Amino acid sequence: SLREVYDVEGTQLVRLRNPWGEYEWDGDWSDKSSLWTDELRAAVDCKFQEGDGIFFMSAADFFKHFEDVGIVYHRCCCTWAEVRHDL
């Protein structure tokens, strides 16, 4: 799931969540990446918890590894609609 998109100090990041929580990105901007500064962590309200399925990656890596994005609109009264966009 694409949770949020950030542009912090010229760094474009996406926050993603693996709904099964069993795998997280381990490249640049992953939980253990040395690229994180205290300022960037604060700007994205980053609380790293191993195995929670939530992770960050650069927008460039996101576009490199994903081909499309599904967007689900949830409305009251138990109705929903889905849209899929190619990247």
PDB file of N, CA and C in Angstrom:
ATOM      1  N   SER A   1       0.843  -1.185   0.000  1.00  0.00           N
ATOM      2  CA  SER A   1       0.000   0.000   0.000  1.00  0.00           C
ATOM      3  C   SER A   1       0.882   1.240   0.000  1.00  0.00           C
ATOM      4  N   LEU A   2       0.564   2.172  -0.863  1.00  0.00           N
ATOM      5  CA  LEU A   2       1.247   3.462  -0.877  1.00  0.00           C
ATOM      6  C   LEU A   2       0.577   4.332   0.170  1.00  0.00           C
ATOM      7  N   ARG A   3       1.306   4.648   1.224  1.00  0.00           N
ATOM      8  CA  ARG A   3       0.722   5.369   2.353  1.00  0.00           C
ATOM      9  C   ARG A   3       0.872   6.883   2.243  1.00  0.00           C
ATOM     10  N   GLU A   4       2.099   7.337   1.939  1.00  0.00           N
ATOM     11  CA  GLU A   4       2.360   8.776   1.875  1.00  0.00           C
ATOM     12  C   GLU A   4       3.522   9.050   0.942  1.00  0.00           C
ATOM     13  N   VAL A   5       3.578  10.293   0.457  1.00  0.00           N
ATOM     14  CA  VAL A   5       4.661  10.758  -0.405  1.00  0.00           C
ATOM     15  C   VAL A   5       5.237  12.012   0.238  1.00  0.00           C
ATOM     16  N   TYR A   6       6.564  12.106   0.254  1.00  0.00           N
ATOM     17  CA  TYR A   6       7.246  13.234   0.901  1.00  0.00           C
ATOM     18  C   TYR A   6       8.266  13.845  -0.045  1.00  0.00           C
ATOM     19  N   ASP A   7       8.465  15.141   0.083  1.00  0.00           N
ATOM     20  CA  ASP A   7       9.578  15.839  -0.544  1.00  0.00           C
ATOM     21  C   ASP A   7      10.218  16.653   0.568  1.00  0.00           C
ATOM     22  N   VAL A   8      11.303  16.117   1.127  1.00  0.00           N
ATOM     23  CA  VAL A   8      11.952  16.720   2.282  1.00  0.00           C
ATOM     24  C   VAL A   8      13.372  17.099   1.902  1.00  0.00           C
ATOM     25  N   GLU A   9      13.649  18.377   1.956  1.00  0.00           N
ATOM     26  CA  GLU A   9      14.999  18.867   1.661  1.00  0.00           C
ATOM     27  C   GLU A   9      15.504  18.338   0.314  1.00  0.00           C
ATOM     28  N   GLY A  10      14.603  18.280  -0.677  1.00  0.00           N
ATOM     29  CA  GLY A  10      14.980  17.802  -2.002  1.00  0.00           C
ATOM     30  C   GLY A  10      15.018  16.294  -2.149  1.00  0.00           C
ATOM     31  N   THR A  11      14.690  15.571  -1.102  1.00  0.00           N
ATOM     32  CA  THR A  11      14.664  14.118  -1.143  1.00  0.00           C
ATOM     33  C   THR A  11      13.219  13.664  -1.275  1.00  0.00           C
ATOM     34  N   GLN A  12      12.917  12.944  -2.353  1.00  0.00           N
ATOM     35  CA  GLN A  12      11.566  12.448  -2.574  1.00  0.00           C
ATOM     36  C   GLN A  12      11.472  11.012  -2.070  1.00  0.00           C
ATOM     37  N   LEU A  13      10.585  10.810  -1.087  1.00  0.00           N
ATOM     38  CA  LEU A  13      10.426   9.498  -0.464  1.00  0.00           C
ATOM     39  C   LEU A  13       8.967   9.068  -0.506  1.00  0.00           C
ATOM     40  N   VAL A  14       8.758   7.765  -0.534  1.00  0.00           N
ATOM     41  CA  VAL A  14       7.413   7.204  -0.403  1.00  0.00           C
ATOM     42  C   VAL A  14       7.402   6.272   0.799  1.00  0.00           C
ATOM     43  N   ARG A  15       6.295   6.312   1.535  1.00  0.00           N
ATOM     44  CA  ARG A  15       6.101   5.392   2.657  1.00  0.00           C
ATOM     45  C   ARG A  15       5.131   4.318   2.155  1.00  0.00           C
ATOM     46  N   LEU A  16       5.569   3.075   2.256  1.00  0.00           N
ATOM     47  CA  LEU A  16       4.781   1.946   1.777  1.00  0.00           C
ATOM     48  C   LEU A  16       4.505   0.978   2.917  1.00  0.00           C
ATOM     49  N   ARG A  17       3.496   0.154   2.716  1.00  0.00           N
ATOM     50  CA  ARG A  17       3.193  -0.879   3.704  1.00  0.00           C
ATOM     51  C   ARG A  17       2.896  -2.178   2.981  1.00  0.00           C
ATOM     52  N   ASN A  18       3.619  -3.203   3.335  1.00  0.00           N
ATOM     53  CA  ASN A  18       3.328  -4.537   2.857  1.00  0.00           C
ATOM     54  C   ASN A  18       2.193  -5.060   3.726  1.00  0.00           C
ATOM     55  N   PRO A  19       0.999  -5.290   3.165  1.00  0.00           N
ATOM     56  CA  PRO A  19      -0.137  -5.679   4.001  1.00  0.00           C
ATOM     57  C   PRO A  19       0.055  -7.007   4.732  1.00  0.00           C
ATOM     58  N   TRP A  20       0.963  -7.838   4.248  1.00  0.00           N
ATOM     59  CA  TRP A  20       1.242  -9.101   4.935  1.00  0.00           C
ATOM     60  C   TRP A  20       2.316  -8.941   5.996  1.00  0.00           C
ATOM     61  N   GLY A  21       3.048  -7.826   5.957  1.00  0.00           N
ATOM     62  CA  GLY A  21       4.014  -7.489   6.997  1.00  0.00           C
ATOM     63  C   GLY A  21       5.218  -8.390   7.102  1.00  0.00           C
ATOM     64  N   GLU A  22       5.433  -9.243   6.115  1.00  0.00           N
ATOM     65  CA  GLU A  22       6.531 -10.207   6.219  1.00  0.00           C
ATOM     66  C   GLU A  22       7.789  -9.778   5.475  1.00  0.00           C
ATOM     67  N   TYR A  23       7.703  -8.800   4.626  1.00  0.00           N
ATOM     68  CA  TYR A  23       8.868  -8.359   3.862  1.00  0.00           C
ATOM     69  C   TYR A  23       8.900  -6.846   3.835  1.00  0.00           C
ATOM     70  N   GLU A  24      10.095  -6.301   4.005  1.00  0.00           N
ATOM     71  CA  GLU A  24      10.297  -4.859   3.873  1.00  0.00           C
ATOM     72  C   GLU A  24      11.481  -4.615   2.952  1.00  0.00           C
ATOM     73  N   TRP A  25      11.444  -3.513   2.259  1.00  0.00           N
ATOM     74  CA  TRP A  25      12.538  -3.056   1.402  1.00  0.00           C
ATOM     75  C   TRP A  25      13.814  -2.974   2.228  1.00  0.00           C
ATOM     76  N   ASP A  26      14.935  -3.406   1.651  1.00  0.00           N
ATOM     77  CA  ASP A  26      16.199  -3.336   2.394  1.00  0.00           C
ATOM     78  C   ASP A  26      17.252  -2.512   1.659  1.00  0.00           C
ATOM     79  N   GLY A  27      16.814  -1.692   0.697  1.00  0.00           N
ATOM     80  CA  GLY A  27      17.734  -0.817  -0.029  1.00  0.00           C
ATOM     81  C   GLY A  27      17.840   0.548   0.627  1.00  0.00           C
ATOM     82  N   ASP A  28      18.206   1.546  -0.195  1.00  0.00           N
ATOM     83  CA  ASP A  28      18.306   2.918   0.314  1.00  0.00           C
ATOM     84  C   ASP A  28      16.982   3.342   0.945  1.00  0.00           C
ATOM     85  N   TRP A  29      17.060   4.013   2.062  1.00  0.00           N
ATOM     86  CA  TRP A  29      15.941   4.549   2.829  1.00  0.00           C
ATOM     87  C   TRP A  29      15.141   3.466   3.559  1.00  0.00           C
ATOM     88  N   SER A  30      15.669   2.270   3.625  1.00  0.00           N
ATOM     89  CA  SER A  30      15.023   1.227   4.426  1.00  0.00           C
ATOM     90  C   SER A  30      15.225   1.548   5.908  1.00  0.00           C
ATOM     91  N   ASP A  31      14.621   0.745   6.765  1.00  0.00           N
ATOM     92  CA  ASP A  31      14.700   0.990   8.215  1.00  0.00           C
ATOM     93  C   ASP A  31      16.136   1.144   8.714  1.00  0.00           C
ATOM     94  N   LYS A  32      17.054   0.360   8.173  1.00  0.00           N
ATOM     95  CA  LYS A  32      18.440   0.361   8.669  1.00  0.00           C
ATOM     96  C   LYS A  32      19.395   1.167   7.794  1.00  0.00           C
ATOM     97  N   SER A  33      18.863   1.946   6.860  1.00  0.00           N
ATOM     98  CA  SER A  33      19.701   2.712   5.941  1.00  0.00           C
ATOM     99  C   SER A  33      20.487   3.803   6.671  1.00  0.00           C
ATOM    100  N   SER A  34      21.715   3.987   6.247  1.00  0.00           N
ATOM    101  CA  SER A  34      22.564   5.039   6.829  1.00  0.00           C
ATOM    102  C   SER A  34      22.225   6.420   6.263  1.00  0.00           C
ATOM    103  N   LEU A  35      21.309   6.500   5.305  1.00  0.00           N
ATOM    104  CA  LEU A  35      20.937   7.780   4.704  1.00  0.00           C
ATOM    105  C   LEU A  35      20.056   8.631   5.616  1.00  0.00           C
ATOM    106  N   TRP A  36      19.430   8.012   6.602  1.00  0.00           N
ATOM    107  CA  TRP A  36      18.537   8.748   7.495  1.00  0.00           C
ATOM    108  C   TRP A  36      19.309   9.689   8.410  1.00  0.00           C
ATOM    109  N   THR A  37      18.817  10.924   8.515  1.00  0.00           N
ATOM    110  CA  THR A  37      19.337  11.873   9.499  1.00  0.00           C
ATOM    111  C   THR A  37      18.234  12.099  10.527  1.00  0.00           C
ATOM    112  N   ASP A  38      18.584  12.663  11.652  1.00  0.00           N
ATOM    113  CA  ASP A  38      17.571  12.955  12.665  1.00  0.00           C
ATOM    114  C   ASP A  38      16.512  13.917  12.125  1.00  0.00           C
ATOM    115  N   GLU A  39      16.950  14.873  11.287  1.00  0.00           N
ATOM    116  CA  GLU A  39      16.024  15.846  10.719  1.00  0.00           C
ATOM    117  C   GLU A  39      15.027  15.181   9.766  1.00  0.00           C
ATOM    118  N   LEU A  40      15.523  14.274   8.921  1.00  0.00           N
ATOM    119  CA  LEU A  40      14.628  13.582   7.985  1.00  0.00           C
ATOM    120  C   LEU A  40      13.658  12.666   8.729  1.00  0.00           C
ATOM    121  N   ARG A  41      14.136  11.974   9.734  1.00  0.00           N
ATOM    122  CA  ARG A  41      13.241  11.110  10.523  1.00  0.00           C
ATOM    123  C   ARG A  41      12.117  11.936  11.145  1.00  0.00           C
ATOM    124  N   ALA A  42      12.465  13.092  11.680  1.00  0.00           N
ATOM    125  CA  ALA A  42      11.452  13.954  12.303  1.00  0.00           C
ATOM    126  C   ALA A  42      10.473  14.491  11.258  1.00  0.00           C
ATOM    127  N   ALA A  43      10.967  14.834  10.079  1.00  0.00           N
ATOM    128  CA  ALA A  43      10.120  15.415   9.038  1.00  0.00           C
ATOM    129  C   ALA A  43       9.056  14.436   8.533  1.00  0.00           C
ATOM    130  N   VAL A  44       9.373  13.143   8.562  1.00  0.00           N
ATOM    131  CA  VAL A  44       8.409  12.140   8.082  1.00  0.00           C
ATOM    132  C   VAL A  44       7.780  11.364   9.238  1.00  0.00           C
ATOM    133  N   ASP A  45       8.025  11.817  10.459  1.00  0.00           N
ATOM    134  CA  ASP A  45       7.479  11.168  11.652  1.00  0.00           C
ATOM    135  C   ASP A  45       7.765   9.667  11.616  1.00  0.00           C
ATOM    136  N   CYS A  46       9.042   9.364  11.482  1.00  0.00           N
ATOM    137  CA  CYS A  46       9.500   8.001  11.256  1.00  0.00           C
ATOM    138  C   CYS A  46       9.728   7.259  12.576  1.00  0.00           C
ATOM    139  N   LYS A  47       8.993   6.167  12.752  1.00  0.00           N
ATOM    140  CA  LYS A  47       9.177   5.294  13.906  1.00  0.00           C
ATOM    141  C   LYS A  47       9.428   3.894  13.374  1.00  0.00           C
ATOM    142  N   PHE A  48      10.683   3.528  13.278  1.00  0.00           N
ATOM    143  CA  PHE A  48      11.025   2.235  12.706  1.00  0.00           C
ATOM    144  C   PHE A  48      10.705   1.110  13.671  1.00  0.00           C
ATOM    145  N   GLN A  49       9.933   0.145  13.193  1.00  0.00           N
ATOM    146  CA  GLN A  49       9.629  -1.056  13.972  1.00  0.00           C
ATOM    147  C   GLN A  49       9.830  -2.249  13.056  1.00  0.00           C
ATOM    148  N   GLU A  50      10.786  -3.071  13.370  1.00  0.00           N
ATOM    149  CA  GLU A  50      11.099  -4.218  12.537  1.00  0.00           C
ATOM    150  C   GLU A  50       9.895  -5.144  12.419  1.00  0.00           C
ATOM    151  N   GLY A  51       9.618  -5.561  11.189  1.00  0.00           N
ATOM    152  CA  GLY A  51       8.558  -6.515  10.953  1.00  0.00           C
ATOM    153  C   GLY A  51       7.157  -5.942  10.913  1.00  0.00           C
ATOM    154  N   ASP A  52       7.008  -4.597  10.942  1.00  0.00           N
ATOM    155  CA  ASP A  52       5.667  -4.013  10.902  1.00  0.00           C
ATOM    156  C   ASP A  52       5.140  -3.865   9.474  1.00  0.00           C
ATOM    157  N   GLY A  53       5.997  -4.138   8.486  1.00  0.00           N
ATOM    158  CA  GLY A  53       5.580  -4.057   7.088  1.00  0.00           C
ATOM    159  C   GLY A  53       5.615  -2.656   6.512  1.00  0.00           C
ATOM    160  N   ILE A  54       5.928  -1.642   7.325  1.00  0.00           N
ATOM    161  CA  ILE A  54       5.990  -0.259   6.848  1.00  0.00           C
ATOM    162  C   ILE A  54       7.438   0.089   6.542  1.00  0.00           C
ATOM    163  N   PHE A  55       7.655   0.669   5.357  1.00  0.00           N
ATOM    164  CA  PHE A  55       9.021   1.015   4.969  1.00  0.00           C
ATOM    165  C   PHE A  55       9.007   2.197   4.016  1.00  0.00           C
ATOM    166  N   PHE A  56      10.170   2.805   3.846  1.00  0.00           N
ATOM    167  CA  PHE A  56      10.362   3.930   2.940  1.00  0.00           C
ATOM    168  C   PHE A  56      11.267   3.499   1.799  1.00  0.00           C
ATOM    169  N   MET A  57      11.089   4.136   0.670  1.00  0.00           N
ATOM    170  CA  MET A  57      12.031   4.003  -0.436  1.00  0.00           C
ATOM    171  C   MET A  57      12.011   5.311  -1.215  1.00  0.00           C
ATOM    172  N   SER A  58      13.053   5.543  -1.990  1.00  0.00           N
ATOM    173  CA  SER A  58      13.085   6.760  -2.794  1.00  0.00           C
ATOM    174  C   SER A  58      12.024   6.654  -3.886  1.00  0.00           C
ATOM    175  N   ALA A  59      11.550   7.800  -4.342  1.00  0.00           N
ATOM    176  CA  ALA A  59      10.581   7.801  -5.439  1.00  0.00           C
ATOM    177  C   ALA A  59      11.196   7.140  -6.674  1.00  0.00           C
ATOM    178  N   ALA A  60      12.483   7.367  -6.909  1.00  0.00           N
ATOM    179  CA  ALA A  60      13.151   6.762  -8.067  1.00  0.00           C
ATOM    180  C   ALA A  60      13.126   5.236  -7.981  1.00  0.00           C
ATOM    181  N   ASP A  61      13.418   4.680  -6.806  1.00  0.00           N
ATOM    182  CA  ASP A  61      13.369   3.227  -6.641  1.00  0.00           C
ATOM    183  C   ASP A  61      11.938   2.705  -6.762  1.00  0.00           C
ATOM    184  N   PHE A  62      10.981   3.466  -6.251  1.00  0.00           N
ATOM    185  CA  PHE A  62       9.581   3.068  -6.371  1.00  0.00           C
ATOM    186  C   PHE A  62       9.191   2.917  -7.835  1.00  0.00           C
ATOM    187  N   PHE A  63       9.514   3.921  -8.659  1.00  0.00           N
ATOM    188  CA  PHE A  63       9.169   3.859 -10.078  1.00  0.00           C
ATOM    189  C   PHE A  63       9.957   2.776 -10.812  1.00  0.00           C
ATOM    190  N   LYS A  64      11.123   2.450 -10.309  1.00  0.00           N
ATOM    191  CA  LYS A  64      11.938   1.400 -10.922  1.00  0.00           C
ATOM    192  C   LYS A  64      11.359   0.005 -10.642  1.00  0.00           C
ATOM    193  N   HIS A  65      10.796  -0.210  -9.462  1.00  0.00           N
ATOM    194  CA  HIS A  65      10.371  -1.543  -9.040  1.00  0.00           C
ATOM    195  C   HIS A  65       8.866  -1.806  -9.148  1.00  0.00           C
ATOM    196  N   PHE A  66       8.064  -0.777  -9.386  1.00  0.00           N
ATOM    197  CA  PHE A  66       6.620  -0.963  -9.496  1.00  0.00           C
ATOM    198  C   PHE A  66       6.139  -0.493 -10.860  1.00  0.00           C
ATOM    199  N   GLU A  67       5.186  -1.208 -11.429  1.00  0.00           N
ATOM    200  CA  GLU A  67       4.677  -0.890 -12.765  1.00  0.00           C
ATOM    201  C   GLU A  67       3.371  -0.115 -12.745  1.00  0.00           C
ATOM    202  N   ASP A  68       2.570  -0.298 -11.704  1.00  0.00           N
ATOM    203  CA  ASP A  68       1.307   0.424 -11.622  1.00  0.00           C
ATOM    204  C   ASP A  68       0.916   0.619 -10.165  1.00  0.00           C
ATOM    205  N   VAL A  69      -0.090   1.460  -9.979  1.00  0.00           N
ATOM    206  CA  VAL A  69      -0.576   1.758  -8.639  1.00  0.00           C
ATOM    207  C   VAL A  69      -2.082   1.587  -8.653  1.00  0.00           C
ATOM    208  N   GLY A  70      -2.602   0.857  -7.681  1.00  0.00           N
ATOM    209  CA  GLY A  70      -4.042   0.732  -7.520  1.00  0.00           C
ATOM    210  C   GLY A  70      -4.505   1.697  -6.449  1.00  0.00           C
ATOM    211  N   ILE A  71      -5.564   2.427  -6.741  1.00  0.00           N
ATOM    212  CA  ILE A  71      -6.094   3.394  -5.788  1.00  0.00           C
ATOM    213  C   ILE A  71      -7.512   2.959  -5.431  1.00  0.00           C
ATOM    214  N   VAL A  72      -7.768   2.795  -4.159  1.00  0.00           N
ATOM    215  CA  VAL A  72      -9.086   2.385  -3.710  1.00  0.00           C
ATOM    216  C   VAL A  72      -9.738   3.554  -2.985  1.00  0.00           C
ATOM    217  N   TYR A  73     -10.936   3.880  -3.395  1.00  0.00           N
ATOM    218  CA  TYR A  73     -11.722   4.930  -2.748  1.00  0.00           C
ATOM    219  C   TYR A  73     -12.745   4.254  -1.848  1.00  0.00           C
ATOM    220  N   HIS A  74     -12.727   4.578  -0.580  1.00  0.00           N
ATOM    221  CA  HIS A  74     -13.681   4.003   0.362  1.00  0.00           C
ATOM    222  C   HIS A  74     -14.681   5.074   0.752  1.00  0.00           C
ATOM    223  N   ARG A  75     -15.953   4.729   0.682  1.00  0.00           N
ATOM    224  CA  ARG A  75     -16.998   5.680   1.029  1.00  0.00           C
ATOM    225  C   ARG A  75     -17.855   5.092   2.149  1.00  0.00           C
ATOM    226  N   CYS A  76     -18.642   5.931   2.757  1.00  0.00           N
ATOM    227  CA  CYS A  76     -19.594   5.459   3.769  1.00  0.00           C
ATOM    228  C   CYS A  76     -20.588   4.499   3.135  1.00  0.00           C
ATOM    229  N   CYS A  77     -21.311   3.807   3.949  1.00  0.00           N
ATOM    230  CA  CYS A  77     -22.362   2.889   3.498  1.00  0.00           C
ATOM    231  C   CYS A  77     -21.817   1.678   2.758  1.00  0.00           C
ATOM    232  N   CYS A  78     -20.585   1.312   3.059  1.00  0.00           N
ATOM    233  CA  CYS A  78     -19.990   0.061   2.545  1.00  0.00           C
ATOM    234  C   CYS A  78     -19.842   0.012   1.031  1.00  0.00           C
ATOM    235  N   THR A  79     -19.648   1.127   0.366  1.00  0.00           N
ATOM    236  CA  THR A  79     -19.386   1.109  -1.069  1.00  0.00           C
ATOM    237  C   THR A  79     -17.946   1.533  -1.313  1.00  0.00           C
ATOM    238  N   TRP A  80     -17.377   1.061  -2.396  1.00  0.00           N
ATOM    239  CA  TRP A  80     -16.012   1.421  -2.737  1.00  0.00           C
ATOM    240  C   TRP A  80     -15.828   1.325  -4.241  1.00  0.00           C
ATOM    241  N   ALA A  81     -14.760   1.928  -4.721  1.00  0.00           N
ATOM    242  CA  ALA A  81     -14.399   1.873  -6.131  1.00  0.00           C
ATOM    243  C   ALA A  81     -12.887   1.786  -6.228  1.00  0.00           C
ATOM    244  N   GLU A  82     -12.397   1.173  -7.282  1.00  0.00           N
ATOM    245  CA  GLU A  82     -10.953   1.016  -7.464  1.00  0.00           C
ATOM    246  C   GLU A  82     -10.553   1.562  -8.828  1.00  0.00           C
ATOM    247  N   VAL A  83      -9.384   2.199  -8.870  1.00  0.00           N
ATOM    248  CA  VAL A  83      -8.814   2.718 -10.108  1.00  0.00           C
ATOM    249  C   VAL A  83      -7.365   2.244 -10.165  1.00  0.00           C
ATOM    250  N   ARG A  84      -6.907   1.803 -11.322  1.00  0.00           N
ATOM    251  CA  ARG A  84      -5.513   1.372 -11.484  1.00  0.00           C
ATOM    252  C   ARG A  84      -4.852   2.244 -12.529  1.00  0.00           C
ATOM    253  N   HIS A  85      -3.670   2.772 -12.202  1.00  0.00           N
ATOM    254  CA  HIS A  85      -2.937   3.647 -13.103  1.00  0.00           C
ATOM    255  C   HIS A  85      -1.565   3.062 -13.399  1.00  0.00           C
ATOM    256  N   ASP A  86      -1.172   3.052 -14.671  1.00  0.00           N
ATOM    257  CA  ASP A  86       0.194   2.682 -15.032  1.00  0.00           C
ATOM    258  C   ASP A  86       1.125   3.811 -14.622  1.00  0.00           C
ATOM    259  N   LEU A  87       2.337   3.448 -14.231  1.00  0.00           N
ATOM    260  CA  LEU A  87       3.305   4.469 -13.831  1.00  0.00           C
ATOM    261  C   LEU A  87       4.141   4.897 -14.983  1.00  0.00           C
TER     262      LEU A  87
END
